[in-house]
Amino acid sequence: MSASEFTTLLDLVASVLLLSSVIIVWRRDYGAMIKLLAVQGVAVGGIPLVSGIYLKDLQLVVVGMMVILLRGGVLPWVLSRRLADETAGSRETKPLVNTTSALFVTALLVMVGYLVTHPMLRRASTPETRAIPAAFAVILIGVFLLVSRKRALSQGIGFLVMDNGIDAVAFLATLGVPAIIEIGASFDLLLVLAILVILTGRMHAKFKDTDLDALSELRD
C-alpha cells in the first residue's frame, strides 16, 4: 500500500466515522441507529486495520479485525436483541432536543472538535493526526446523544458512539494499542452493554416503557 492510498483510506474511514454519528443524531428509529452504529464500528476497526496493512504490522491488523468483529458485529447484535423485546416503540419519540436544533448543536460540536485539536495539527501534520479532529468530534456527539435522549436504548447508543470516538482517537494518536489491552477494554464494554440491556429489560417489565422519566415513580 502506497502512502497516498493509506492517506486516502484513513480520510475515508474518518469521514464515515463522523458522518455516521451525524446521521445517528438525525434518525429517531432504533433499527437505523443500530445499523449506523455497526457501520461506525467497522470504521473504528478500519483505523488499526489500514494502519497495520500500511506498516506491515500483524498485531495492528489483528486488533483491527477484533474491533470490527466486536463493534461492527457483536455489540449491534446485542442491541438488536434488546430492540426485538422493545414493545413500547421502535423510535425515540420524545427527545429533549428537536431534530433541527440537534443537528445545529452537532454542527457546533464538529467545529469545536476541530478547534480544540487544531494545535495538534500544527505541531505534527500526519495522516493520523489530520483524522483526529473528526474522531474527537464523534466523542462530543456521543456525549450530546447521552444527554439529549430520554430512552435508555437511545442513551446506550450514545454511550457506544462516544466510546467509538475515544477508541478512534486512541488508535490515531498512538498507532494502535496492544492487543491484550484492547481485549480487556472490549470485554469491559461488552459487560457495560450487557448491564444496560438487563436494566432496560427490568424497566420495561416494571413500567412497560424505557423512558428514564419513568424512574421518578420509584420515589412513591
Foldseek 3Di string as FASTA:
>chain_A
DDQVVLLVLLVVLLVLLLVLLLVLLQFWFQVSNLQSQLSNQLSLLVLLLSLCVVVVPVQSNVLSVVSNCQRNPVLSVLLVVLLVVQPVDRTQPDWQDDNVVLSVVLVVLLVVLCVVLVVVCVVPPDSLSVSLSSLSSQLVSLVVQLVGGFFLSSNLSSVSSNVSSVSSNVCSVPVDDGNVVSVVVSVVNVVVSVVSSVVQVVCCVVPVGRGNVVCVVVVD
